[in-house]
Amino acid sequence: MQTSNRILDDLAKVANGAVATLAGIRDEMESMIRQQIERFLADGNLVPRDEFDAMAEVARNARAAQEKLEARVAKLEAALAAQGAPKTAKPRAAVKKPAAKGAKPKP
């Protein structure tokens, strides 16, 4: 009876070792797959979700500001039209920048 207990103990140790080895292999496979996915995402120029959400919020705020400004411009144009002023302003004359020091003026 003593021998069978030893054999069963040895088999139990081998089985535990095999389970531990398989768990290690599984963890290694998961990390390799994760690295491959991260490399694929990096090569695809994709952004993380939190950065996407932040930029979406910036875009929403910019759109809201644009709509406010459009409404304000429409209101100002209506006020100008009520006063009889033309809708479009005359363009200003272009202002020439001074030449850099030592540069010859163009004829």
C-alpha atoms as a PDB file:
ATOM      1  CA  MET A   1       0.000   0.000   0.000  1.00  0.00           C
ATOM      2  CA  GLN A   2       2.917   2.304   0.683  1.00  0.00           C
ATOM      3  CA  THR A   3       4.092   2.044  -2.944  1.00  0.00           C
ATOM      4  CA  SER A   4       0.775   3.042  -4.443  1.00  0.00           C
ATOM      5  CA  ASN A   5       0.662   6.134  -2.234  1.00  0.00           C
ATOM      6  CA  ARG A   6       4.114   7.091  -3.454  1.00  0.00           C
ATOM      7  CA  ILE A   7       3.092   6.557  -7.067  1.00  0.00           C
ATOM      8  CA  LEU A   8      -0.069   8.590  -6.558  1.00  0.00           C
ATOM      9  CA  ASP A   9       1.944  11.336  -4.845  1.00  0.00           C
ATOM     10  CA  ASP A  10       4.410  11.379  -7.728  1.00  0.00           C
ATOM     11  CA  LEU A  11       1.568  11.481 -10.261  1.00  0.00           C
ATOM     12  CA  ALA A  12      -0.050  14.323  -8.326  1.00  0.00           C
ATOM     13  CA  LYS A  13       3.243  16.259  -8.368  1.00  0.00           C
ATOM     14  CA  VAL A  14       3.648  15.678 -12.099  1.00  0.00           C
ATOM     15  CA  ALA A  15       0.048  16.772 -12.714  1.00  0.00           C
ATOM     16  CA  ASN A  16       0.548  19.930 -10.613  1.00  0.00           C
ATOM     17  CA  GLY A  17       3.759  20.680 -12.488  1.00  0.00           C
ATOM     18  CA  ALA A  18       1.985  20.220 -15.813  1.00  0.00           C
ATOM     19  CA  VAL A  19      -0.862  22.520 -14.740  1.00  0.00           C
ATOM     20  CA  ALA A  20       1.624  25.167 -13.612  1.00  0.00           C
ATOM     21  CA  THR A  21       3.515  24.854 -16.899  1.00  0.00           C
ATOM     22  CA  LEU A  22       0.302  25.158 -18.927  1.00  0.00           C
ATOM     23  CA  ALA A  23      -0.723  28.219 -16.912  1.00  0.00           C
ATOM     24  CA  GLY A  24       2.659  29.777 -17.623  1.00  0.00           C
ATOM     25  CA  ILE A  25       2.316  29.018 -21.324  1.00  0.00           C
ATOM     26  CA  ARG A  26      -1.170  30.560 -21.332  1.00  0.00           C
ATOM     27  CA  ASP A  27       0.127  33.733 -19.657  1.00  0.00           C
ATOM     28  CA  GLU A  28       2.997  33.921 -22.149  1.00  0.00           C
ATOM     29  CA  MET A  29       0.601  33.469 -25.087  1.00  0.00           C
ATOM     30  CA  GLU A  30      -1.707  36.185 -23.748  1.00  0.00           C
ATOM     31  CA  SER A  31       1.184  38.628 -23.409  1.00  0.00           C
ATOM     32  CA  MET A  32       2.399  37.822 -26.936  1.00  0.00           C
ATOM     33  CA  ILE A  33      -1.085  38.337 -28.360  1.00  0.00           C
ATOM     34  CA  ARG A  34      -1.441  41.599 -26.431  1.00  0.00           C
ATOM     35  CA  GLN A  35       1.896  42.829 -27.830  1.00  0.00           C
ATOM     36  CA  GLN A  36       0.837  41.923 -31.367  1.00  0.00           C
ATOM     37  CA  ILE A  37      -2.460  43.778 -30.961  1.00  0.00           C
ATOM     38  CA  GLU A  38      -0.690  46.845 -29.531  1.00  0.00           C
ATOM     39  CA  ARG A  39       1.793  46.791 -32.427  1.00  0.00           C
ATOM     40  CA  PHE A  40      -1.073  46.505 -34.923  1.00  0.00           C
ATOM     41  CA  LEU A  41      -2.890  49.438 -33.321  1.00  0.00           C
ATOM     42  CA  ALA A  42       0.286  51.538 -33.231  1.00  0.00           C
ATOM     43  CA  ASP A  43       0.997  50.805 -36.903  1.00  0.00           C
ATOM     44  CA  GLY A  44      -2.587  51.706 -37.804  1.00  0.00           C
ATOM     45  CA  ASN A  45      -2.244  55.240 -36.358  1.00  0.00           C
ATOM     46  CA  LEU A  46      -5.189  54.627 -34.054  1.00  0.00           C
ATOM     47  CA  VAL A  47      -5.696  56.679 -30.920  1.00  0.00           C
ATOM     48  CA  PRO A  48      -6.685  55.495 -27.469  1.00  0.00           C
ATOM     49  CA  ARG A  49     -10.315  55.973 -26.468  1.00  0.00           C
ATOM     50  CA  ASP A  50      -9.607  58.654 -23.850  1.00  0.00           C
ATOM     51  CA  GLU A  51      -7.755  60.821 -26.396  1.00  0.00           C
ATOM     52  CA  PHE A  52     -10.606  60.355 -28.877  1.00  0.00           C
ATOM     53  CA  ASP A  53     -13.168  61.380 -26.254  1.00  0.00           C
ATOM     54  CA  ALA A  54     -11.108  64.458 -25.341  1.00  0.00           C
ATOM     55  CA  MET A  55     -10.874  65.566 -28.973  1.00  0.00           C
ATOM     56  CA  ALA A  56     -14.590  64.924 -29.490  1.00  0.00           C
ATOM     57  CA  GLU A  57     -15.309  67.236 -26.539  1.00  0.00           C
ATOM     58  CA  VAL A  58     -13.031  69.912 -28.030  1.00  0.00           C
ATOM     59  CA  ALA A  59     -14.857  69.594 -31.356  1.00  0.00           C
ATOM     60  CA  ARG A  60     -18.271  69.897 -29.648  1.00  0.00           C
ATOM     61  CA  ASN A  61     -17.134  73.037 -27.804  1.00  0.00           C
ATOM     62  CA  ALA A  62     -15.725  74.543 -31.007  1.00  0.00           C
ATOM     63  CA  ARG A  63     -18.980  73.821 -32.846  1.00  0.00           C
ATOM     64  CA  ALA A  64     -21.024  75.452 -30.079  1.00  0.00           C
ATOM     65  CA  ALA A  65     -18.777  78.534 -30.150  1.00  0.00           C
ATOM     66  CA  GLN A  66     -19.060  78.699 -33.952  1.00  0.00           C
ATOM     67  CA  GLU A  67     -22.862  78.562 -33.769  1.00  0.00           C
ATOM     68  CA  LYS A  68     -22.885  81.380 -31.177  1.00  0.00           C
ATOM     69  CA  LEU A  69     -20.647  83.500 -33.393  1.00  0.00           C
ATOM     70  CA  GLU A  70     -22.789  82.800 -36.469  1.00  0.00           C
ATOM     71  CA  ALA A  71     -25.880  83.907 -34.557  1.00  0.00           C
ATOM     72  CA  ARG A  72     -24.078  87.038 -33.366  1.00  0.00           C
ATOM     73  CA  VAL A  73     -22.918  87.896 -36.908  1.00  0.00           C
ATOM     74  CA  ALA A  74     -26.449  87.388 -38.242  1.00  0.00           C
ATOM     75  CA  LYS A  75     -27.810  89.689 -35.521  1.00  0.00           C
ATOM     76  CA  LEU A  76     -25.193  92.356 -36.293  1.00  0.00           C
ATOM     77  CA  GLU A  77     -25.881  92.098 -40.043  1.00  0.00           C
ATOM     78  CA  ALA A  78     -29.596  92.510 -39.368  1.00  0.00           C
ATOM     79  CA  ALA A  79     -28.890  95.589 -37.245  1.00  0.00           C
ATOM     80  CA  LEU A  80     -26.700  97.048 -40.005  1.00  0.00           C
ATOM     81  CA  ALA A  81     -29.338  96.300 -42.616  1.00  0.00           C
ATOM     82  CA  ALA A  82     -31.932  98.059 -40.472  1.00  0.00           C
ATOM     83  CA  GLN A  83     -29.674 101.128 -40.405  1.00  0.00           C
ATOM     84  CA  GLY A  84     -29.297 101.042 -44.167  1.00  0.00           C
ATOM     85  CA  ALA A  85     -25.609 100.108 -44.229  1.00  0.00           C
ATOM     86  CA  PRO A  86     -24.295  97.752 -46.934  1.00  0.00           C
ATOM     87  CA  LYS A  87     -24.006  94.091 -45.929  1.00  0.00           C
ATOM     88  CA  THR A  88     -20.392  93.716 -46.915  1.00  0.00           C
ATOM     89  CA  ALA A  89     -17.634  96.049 -45.873  1.00  0.00           C
ATOM     90  CA  LYS A  90     -15.175  97.438 -48.376  1.00  0.00           C
ATOM     91  CA  PRO A  91     -11.822  95.670 -48.257  1.00  0.00           C
ATOM     92  CA  ARG A  92      -9.023  97.706 -46.723  1.00  0.00           C
ATOM     93  CA  ALA A  93      -5.968  98.588 -48.736  1.00  0.00           C
ATOM     94  CA  ALA A  94      -3.142  96.123 -48.298  1.00  0.00           C
ATOM     95  CA  VAL A  95      -0.445  97.339 -45.945  1.00  0.00           C
ATOM     96  CA  LYS A  96       3.085  96.744 -47.176  1.00  0.00           C
ATOM     97  CA  LYS A  97       5.603  95.403 -44.699  1.00  0.00           C
ATOM     98  CA  PRO A  98       8.901  97.286 -44.426  1.00  0.00           C
ATOM     99  CA  ALA A  99      11.857  95.583 -46.074  1.00  0.00           C
ATOM    100  CA  ALA A 100      14.460  93.885 -43.913  1.00  0.00           C
ATOM    101  CA  LYS A 101      17.599  95.856 -43.074  1.00  0.00           C
ATOM    102  CA  GLY A 102      20.126  95.824 -45.847  1.00  0.00           C
ATOM    103  CA  ALA A 103      17.630  94.573 -48.423  1.00  0.00           C
ATOM    104  CA  LYS A 104      17.392  96.473 -51.691  1.00  0.00           C
ATOM    105  CA  PRO A 105      13.960  97.858 -52.527  1.00  0.00           C
ATOM    106  CA  LYS A 106      12.248  96.315 -55.514  1.00  0.00           C
ATOM    107  CA  PRO A 107      11.858  98.640 -58.555  1.00  0.00           C
END
